[in-house]
């Protein structure tokens, strides 16, 4: 007798979930500081930090961030500069700005408590559907599906879901499949298992299929082409930009400007930026000292590659007050900062590396 189709699908779903739960409980990443926590603040912080960032990088930032901002109230009261300073080097700084805004909204609109449902969590700044579901599942036991990049890879391979995720309708279809797979019990272990599997064995390239708990039911493995999933054909067109950075030294001080609150490196402190040498020389024609071009720094951002040409310009020690005023009046609005103090600010990664290395002899 042929099995009823709905029963076959139900059995398959239950088997996948049960297998994943058992694997996570035995082989999952139990040593991570946020795993097993039911504190929404800590789970939320880890989820935001882990977006587009490897676990090994996040660990140190996570510990330092919690030491400085141990709860949502402390974070909400902080100055944005302090938040960005602790985030400096993690990249994707909009995450830090949204983190700060979200903490303030939780305090002002929710009495300092994170909402207990994924739907309400998803309305908070910087919390998308998948992150909201993770917080709701881990902290409140809600049966809801997550679908971050790692989980998409696991599910599309296991299910043989070959539709193009660049199309919204196919993304919605995968969400429905993910929701259909949810177990009745053990949602925390199931959700963590999906994350753990995607972050370890089910890697983007050369997945360790021989050790995967889902190998016996993985459609992509049966087809012999796991790396063909997920399918997403739309490619981001990368642009290129080139700018000159003025590294102006006055003894142990450097002139820094705060970038606008929107755009690249929003809110961070940086070196003044110019479109090229001509723009700088138009301001610096009569400055004392001499500028020296340093090797170009190549910096890759999400949408474009950025060539940054630092010009190091040490001002002479014996300068008159009038000469110093003339230099400062020509500069973009900013302030002098001692180099050691500058390194405690929120700086873009390439600027931090420059200042940490110091000017070449």
Protein backbone atom coordinates (compact mmCIF):
# COMPACT_ATOMS: atom_id res chain seq x y z
CA UNK A 1 0.00 0.00 0.00
CA UNK A 2 1.28 3.47 -0.88
CA UNK A 3 1.67 5.81 2.07
CA UNK A 4 -0.61 8.82 2.19
CA UNK A 5 1.38 11.85 0.89
CA UNK A 6 0.63 14.07 3.90
CA UNK A 7 1.70 11.34 6.30
CA UNK A 8 4.94 10.83 4.36
CA UNK A 9 5.73 14.53 4.53
CA UNK A 10 4.84 14.65 8.23
CA UNK A 11 7.10 11.69 9.02
CA UNK A 12 9.95 13.21 7.02
CA UNK A 13 9.54 16.53 8.82
CA UNK A 14 9.52 14.91 12.23
CA UNK A 15 12.61 12.85 11.38
CA UNK A 16 14.60 15.89 10.23
CA UNK A 17 13.73 17.87 13.35
CA UNK A 18 14.38 14.98 15.73
CA UNK A 19 17.70 14.19 14.07
CA UNK A 20 18.81 17.80 14.29
CA UNK A 21 17.77 18.16 17.92
CA UNK A 22 19.64 15.00 18.93
CA UNK A 23 22.75 16.12 17.03
CA UNK A 24 22.71 19.59 18.60
CA UNK A 25 22.40 18.25 22.12
CA UNK A 26 25.43 16.03 21.61
CA UNK A 27 27.59 17.94 19.14
CA UNK A 28 26.35 21.53 19.13
CA UNK A 29 28.33 24.61 20.12
CA UNK A 30 27.56 24.54 23.84
CA UNK A 31 30.65 26.48 24.88
CA UNK A 32 29.59 29.82 23.38
CA UNK A 33 28.71 32.38 26.07
CA UNK A 34 25.24 33.15 24.69
CA UNK A 35 24.15 29.56 23.98
CA UNK A 36 21.59 28.41 26.52
CA UNK A 37 20.89 31.94 27.76
CA UNK A 38 17.29 33.04 28.17
CA UNK A 39 18.27 36.68 28.67
CA UNK A 40 16.87 38.52 25.62
CA UNK A 41 19.52 41.25 25.92
CA UNK A 42 22.40 38.79 25.65
CA UNK A 43 20.80 36.72 22.89
CA UNK A 44 19.90 39.88 20.94
CA UNK A 45 23.45 41.24 21.28
CA UNK A 46 24.96 37.97 20.06
CA UNK A 47 22.55 37.76 17.11
CA UNK A 48 23.33 41.30 15.95
CA UNK A 49 27.10 40.82 16.34
CA UNK A 50 27.03 37.52 14.47
CA UNK A 51 25.39 39.03 11.39
CA UNK A 52 28.06 38.89 8.67
CA UNK A 53 30.78 38.24 11.27
CA UNK A 54 32.52 35.02 12.32
CA UNK A 55 32.11 33.62 15.84
CA UNK A 56 35.86 33.77 16.52
CA UNK A 57 35.81 37.52 15.89
CA UNK A 58 32.65 38.15 17.90
CA UNK A 59 33.76 36.46 21.14
CA UNK A 60 36.11 39.21 22.28
CA UNK A 61 33.76 42.02 21.26
CA UNK A 62 30.83 40.32 23.00
CA UNK A 63 32.70 40.06 26.32
CA UNK A 64 33.97 43.66 26.17
CA UNK A 65 30.54 44.99 25.21
CA UNK A 66 28.81 43.21 28.10
CA UNK A 67 31.46 44.43 30.54
CA UNK A 68 30.77 48.03 29.51
CA UNK A 69 27.01 47.71 28.87
CA UNK A 70 25.75 44.82 31.03
CA UNK A 71 22.05 45.47 30.40
CA UNK A 72 19.70 47.26 28.06
CA UNK A 73 19.29 50.24 30.40
CA UNK A 74 23.04 50.93 30.49
CA UNK A 75 23.25 50.69 26.71
CA UNK A 76 20.26 53.00 26.21
CA UNK A 77 21.86 55.68 28.39
CA UNK A 78 25.24 55.50 26.65
CA UNK A 79 26.55 58.08 24.20
CA UNK A 80 26.66 56.86 20.60
CA UNK A 81 30.41 57.57 20.46
CA UNK A 82 30.98 55.07 23.29
CA UNK A 83 28.90 52.42 21.54
CA UNK A 84 30.72 52.91 18.23
CA UNK A 85 34.08 52.86 19.99
CA UNK A 86 33.40 49.37 21.37
CA UNK A 87 32.10 48.29 17.96
CA UNK A 88 35.13 49.65 16.11
CA UNK A 89 36.63 46.89 13.96
CA UNK A 90 33.47 44.76 13.74
CA UNK A 91 32.29 46.59 10.63
CA UNK A 92 28.76 47.14 9.32
CA UNK A 93 28.39 50.03 11.77
CA UNK A 94 24.69 50.49 11.07
CA UNK A 95 24.29 47.43 13.31
CA UNK A 96 25.79 49.35 16.24
CA UNK A 97 23.69 52.45 15.61
CA UNK A 98 20.52 50.33 15.38
CA UNK A 99 21.58 48.43 18.51
CA UNK A 100 21.78 51.73 20.39
CA UNK A 101 18.43 52.95 19.00
CA UNK A 102 16.80 49.62 19.78
CA UNK A 103 17.92 49.77 23.42
CA UNK A 104 16.40 53.23 23.73
CA UNK A 105 13.11 52.07 22.20
CA UNK A 106 12.97 49.06 24.55
CA UNK A 107 13.41 51.42 27.51
CA UNK A 108 10.99 54.11 26.31
CA UNK A 109 8.24 52.01 24.78
CA UNK A 110 8.53 48.64 26.54
CA UNK A 111 9.55 49.57 30.07
CA UNK A 112 13.01 48.05 29.68
CA UNK A 113 11.71 44.59 28.74
CA UNK A 114 12.05 43.03 25.32
CA UNK A 115 8.70 41.99 23.80
CA UNK A 116 8.03 38.27 24.13
CA UNK A 117 6.78 37.62 20.60
CA UNK A 118 8.68 37.46 17.32
CA UNK A 119 6.13 39.76 15.67
CA UNK A 120 6.69 42.53 18.24
CA UNK A 121 10.45 42.01 18.29
CA UNK A 122 10.61 42.42 14.51
CA UNK A 123 9.20 45.96 14.89
CA UNK A 124 12.25 47.09 16.87
CA UNK A 125 15.10 48.96 15.10
CA UNK A 126 17.63 46.66 13.46
CA UNK A 127 15.78 43.42 14.27
CA UNK A 128 14.62 41.57 11.18
CA UNK A 129 12.32 38.59 10.96
CA UNK A 130 14.98 35.93 11.45
CA UNK A 131 16.70 37.66 14.38
CA UNK A 132 13.33 38.27 16.04
CA UNK A 133 12.49 34.58 15.67
CA UNK A 134 15.82 33.53 17.19
CA UNK A 135 15.27 35.73 20.25
CA UNK A 136 11.67 34.56 20.63
CA UNK A 137 12.63 30.89 20.29
CA UNK A 138 15.63 30.94 22.63
CA UNK A 139 14.20 33.25 25.31
CA UNK A 140 10.45 32.68 25.20
CA UNK A 141 10.08 29.23 23.60
CA UNK A 142 8.00 30.47 20.66
CA UNK A 143 7.69 28.05 17.73
CA UNK A 144 8.94 30.26 14.93
CA UNK A 145 11.30 29.77 12.02
CA UNK A 146 14.67 31.43 11.48
CA UNK A 147 16.18 31.90 8.05
CA UNK A 148 19.58 33.55 8.17
CA UNK A 149 22.27 32.81 5.59
CA UNK A 150 23.54 29.66 7.29
CA UNK A 151 20.06 28.27 7.81
CA UNK A 152 19.08 28.96 4.20
CA UNK A 153 22.06 26.87 3.14
CA UNK A 154 21.13 23.95 5.41
CA UNK A 155 17.46 23.91 4.46
CA UNK A 156 17.85 24.41 0.70
CA UNK A 157 20.34 21.54 0.60
CA UNK A 158 18.35 19.21 2.84
CA UNK A 159 15.09 19.92 0.99
CA UNK A 160 16.57 20.24 -2.49
CA UNK A 161 14.98 23.68 -2.71
CA UNK A 162 16.33 24.87 -6.05
CA UNK A 163 14.20 27.96 -6.70
CA UNK A 164 16.03 31.26 -7.09
CA UNK A 165 16.07 33.09 -3.74
CA UNK A 166 16.76 36.36 -5.56
CA UNK A 167 13.02 36.33 -6.25
CA UNK A 168 10.82 37.37 -3.33
CA UNK A 169 8.16 34.75 -4.04
CA UNK A 170 10.73 31.96 -3.72
CA UNK A 171 12.09 33.44 -0.50
CA UNK A 172 8.54 33.44 0.87
CA UNK A 173 8.12 29.83 -0.21
CA UNK A 174 11.25 28.84 1.71
CA UNK A 175 9.92 30.61 4.80
CA UNK A 176 6.79 28.46 4.54
CA UNK A 177 8.88 25.30 4.22
CA UNK A 178 10.95 26.36 7.24
CA UNK A 179 7.80 26.90 9.30
CA UNK A 180 6.45 23.49 8.28
CA UNK A 181 9.59 21.83 9.65
CA UNK A 182 9.23 23.26 13.18
CA UNK A 183 9.02 20.58 15.89
CA UNK A 184 6.29 20.55 18.51
CA UNK A 185 8.90 20.27 21.27
CA UNK A 186 12.56 21.28 21.59
CA UNK A 187 12.40 24.48 19.55
CA UNK A 188 15.50 25.89 21.29
CA UNK A 189 17.72 22.90 20.43
CA UNK A 190 16.27 22.71 16.93
CA UNK A 191 16.92 26.38 16.22
CA UNK A 192 20.42 26.23 17.67
CA UNK A 193 21.08 23.04 15.72
CA UNK A 194 20.25 24.73 12.42
CA UNK A 195 22.63 27.55 13.29
CA UNK A 196 25.38 25.22 14.44
CA UNK A 197 25.13 22.95 11.43
CA UNK A 198 25.24 25.87 9.01
CA UNK A 199 28.22 27.39 10.79
CA UNK A 200 30.22 24.16 10.86
CA UNK A 201 29.63 21.03 8.75
CA UNK A 202 27.31 22.56 6.15
CA UNK A 203 29.79 25.16 4.97
CA UNK A 204 29.47 27.13 1.74
CA UNK A 205 32.37 25.31 0.09
CA UNK A 206 33.45 21.71 0.66
CA UNK A 207 30.75 20.78 3.22
CA UNK A 208 31.57 17.85 5.49
CA UNK A 209 28.66 15.72 4.29
CA UNK A 210 30.13 12.48 5.64
CA UNK A 211 29.76 13.81 9.20
CA UNK A 212 26.41 15.58 8.72
CA UNK A 213 23.47 14.24 10.74
CA UNK A 214 21.12 15.01 7.82
CA UNK A 215 23.21 13.16 5.22
CA UNK A 216 20.69 10.31 4.96
CA UNK A 217 17.85 12.63 4.00
CA UNK A 218 19.68 15.46 2.20
CA UNK A 219 18.44 15.89 -1.35
CA UNK A 220 21.46 17.94 -2.41
CA UNK A 221 23.85 15.21 -1.25
CA UNK A 222 21.80 12.54 -3.02
CA UNK A 223 22.11 14.61 -6.18
CA UNK A 224 25.86 14.82 -5.64
CA UNK A 225 25.89 18.62 -5.78
CA UNK A 226 25.44 20.24 -2.35
CA UNK A 227 27.44 23.32 -3.37
CA UNK A 228 24.79 24.13 -5.98
CA UNK A 229 22.48 25.26 -3.15
CA UNK A 230 21.17 27.78 -2.30
CA UNK A 231 20.37 29.25 -5.70
CA UNK A 232 20.58 33.05 -5.88
CA UNK A 233 21.39 34.44 -9.28
CA UNK A 234 21.24 38.18 -8.74
CA UNK A 235 24.78 39.44 -8.28
CA UNK A 236 25.64 42.69 -6.58
CA UNK A 237 27.36 45.12 -8.91
CA UNK A 238 30.37 46.44 -7.05
CA UNK A 239 31.55 49.97 -7.55
CA UNK A 240 34.93 51.61 -7.03
CA UNK A 241 35.84 54.82 -5.22
CA UNK A 242 39.09 56.65 -4.55
CA UNK A 243 39.76 59.36 -1.97
CA UNK A 244 42.66 61.03 -0.24
CA UNK A 245 42.86 61.02 3.56
CA UNK A 246 44.70 63.81 5.36
CA UNK A 247 46.68 62.54 8.33
CA UNK A 248 47.60 65.85 9.95
CA UNK A 249 49.97 65.54 12.92
CA UNK A 250 50.60 68.20 15.54
CA UNK A 251 53.11 66.64 17.96
CA UNK A 252 51.14 63.72 19.46
CA UNK A 253 47.75 64.99 18.21
CA UNK A 254 45.82 64.17 15.06
CA UNK A 255 42.95 66.12 13.45
CA UNK A 256 39.79 64.01 13.34
CA UNK A 257 36.36 64.74 11.91
CA UNK A 258 33.10 63.01 12.78
CA UNK A 259 31.38 61.61 9.73
CA UNK A 260 27.68 62.37 9.06
CA UNK A 261 25.03 60.25 10.72
CA UNK A 262 24.11 58.69 7.37
CA UNK A 263 26.21 57.01 4.72
CA UNK A 264 29.48 55.08 4.94
CA UNK A 265 31.04 54.95 8.43
CA UNK A 266 28.16 57.06 9.75
CA UNK A 267 28.94 58.65 13.11
CA UNK A 268 32.51 57.35 13.26
CA UNK A 269 35.59 59.55 13.72
CA UNK A 270 37.94 59.59 10.77
CA UNK A 271 40.66 61.51 8.96
CA UNK A 272 39.48 64.36 6.70
CA UNK A 273 38.59 63.07 3.24
CA UNK A 274 39.29 64.75 -0.10
CA UNK A 275 38.40 63.85 -3.67
CA UNK A 276 42.09 63.97 -4.65
CA UNK A 277 45.40 65.78 -4.35
CA UNK A 278 44.18 68.93 -6.09
CA UNK A 279 41.41 69.41 -3.51
CA UNK A 280 43.92 69.11 -0.67
CA UNK A 281 46.55 71.35 -2.23
CA UNK A 282 43.94 74.06 -2.77
CA UNK A 283 43.66 74.31 1.03
CA UNK A 284 47.23 73.55 2.02
CA UNK A 285 49.25 75.74 -0.36
CA UNK A 286 50.63 77.92 2.44
CA UNK A 287 50.66 75.42 5.27
CA UNK A 288 53.93 74.93 7.12
CA UNK A 289 55.57 71.52 6.91
CA UNK A 290 55.22 69.13 4.03
CA UNK A 291 52.76 66.40 3.10
CA UNK A 292 53.96 62.95 2.09
CA UNK A 293 51.89 60.39 0.26
CA UNK A 294 51.77 56.95 1.86
CA UNK A 295 50.88 53.64 0.16
CA UNK A 296 47.24 53.36 -0.86
CA UNK A 297 44.99 51.35 1.43
CA UNK A 298 42.51 49.07 -0.36
CA UNK A 299 39.32 48.66 1.66
CA UNK A 300 36.39 46.46 0.62
CA UNK A 301 32.88 47.39 1.66
CA UNK A 302 29.61 45.62 0.84
CA UNK A 303 28.83 47.59 -2.31
CA UNK A 304 32.18 48.93 -3.47
CA UNK A 305 35.95 48.77 -3.23
CA UNK A 306 37.58 51.87 -1.79
CA UNK A 307 41.11 53.07 -2.56
CA UNK A 308 42.24 55.34 0.30
CA UNK A 309 45.45 57.35 -0.22
CA UNK A 310 46.77 58.68 3.11
CA UNK A 311 48.76 61.93 3.05
CA UNK A 312 50.81 62.29 6.23
CA UNK A 313 51.47 65.94 7.08
CA UNK A 314 53.41 66.61 10.29
CA UNK A 315 53.20 70.24 11.38
CA UNK A 316 56.45 71.79 12.64
CA UNK A 317 56.74 72.18 16.39
CA UNK A 318 57.70 75.85 16.24
CA UNK A 319 54.48 77.28 14.80
CA UNK A 320 53.00 80.64 15.61
CA UNK A 321 49.44 80.79 16.92
CA UNK A 322 48.45 82.61 13.73
CA UNK A 323 49.87 79.82 11.53
CA UNK A 324 48.08 77.15 13.54
CA UNK A 325 44.80 79.10 13.36
CA UNK A 326 45.23 79.44 9.58
CA UNK A 327 45.64 75.67 9.23
CA UNK A 328 42.67 74.87 11.46
CA UNK A 329 40.38 77.37 9.72
CA UNK A 330 40.98 75.61 6.39
CA UNK A 331 40.19 72.15 7.73
CA UNK A 332 36.81 70.40 7.78
CA UNK A 333 35.11 70.86 11.16
CA UNK A 334 36.75 68.54 13.70
CA UNK A 335 39.11 68.57 16.63
CA UNK A 336 42.61 67.69 17.71
CA UNK A 337 42.78 64.37 19.55
CA UNK A 338 45.80 62.80 21.23
CA UNK A 339 46.68 59.64 19.32
CA UNK A 340 46.14 57.40 22.34
CA UNK A 341 42.73 59.00 22.93
CA UNK A 342 41.90 58.65 19.25
CA UNK A 343 42.35 54.90 19.47
CA UNK A 344 39.64 54.80 22.15
CA UNK A 345 37.10 56.40 19.79
CA UNK A 346 34.90 54.71 17.23
CA UNK A 347 37.25 54.60 14.24
CA UNK A 348 36.85 52.80 10.89
CA UNK A 349 39.14 49.76 10.73
CA UNK A 350 41.61 51.14 8.12
CA UNK A 351 41.95 54.43 10.05
CA UNK A 352 42.59 52.56 13.27
CA UNK A 353 45.28 50.45 11.63
CA UNK A 354 47.01 53.56 10.30
CA UNK A 355 47.08 55.29 13.67
CA UNK A 356 48.08 52.15 15.54
CA UNK A 357 51.03 51.62 13.21
CA UNK A 358 52.14 55.24 13.52
CA UNK A 359 53.69 57.37 10.82
CA UNK A 360 56.52 55.65 8.91
CA UNK A 361 59.98 57.12 9.41
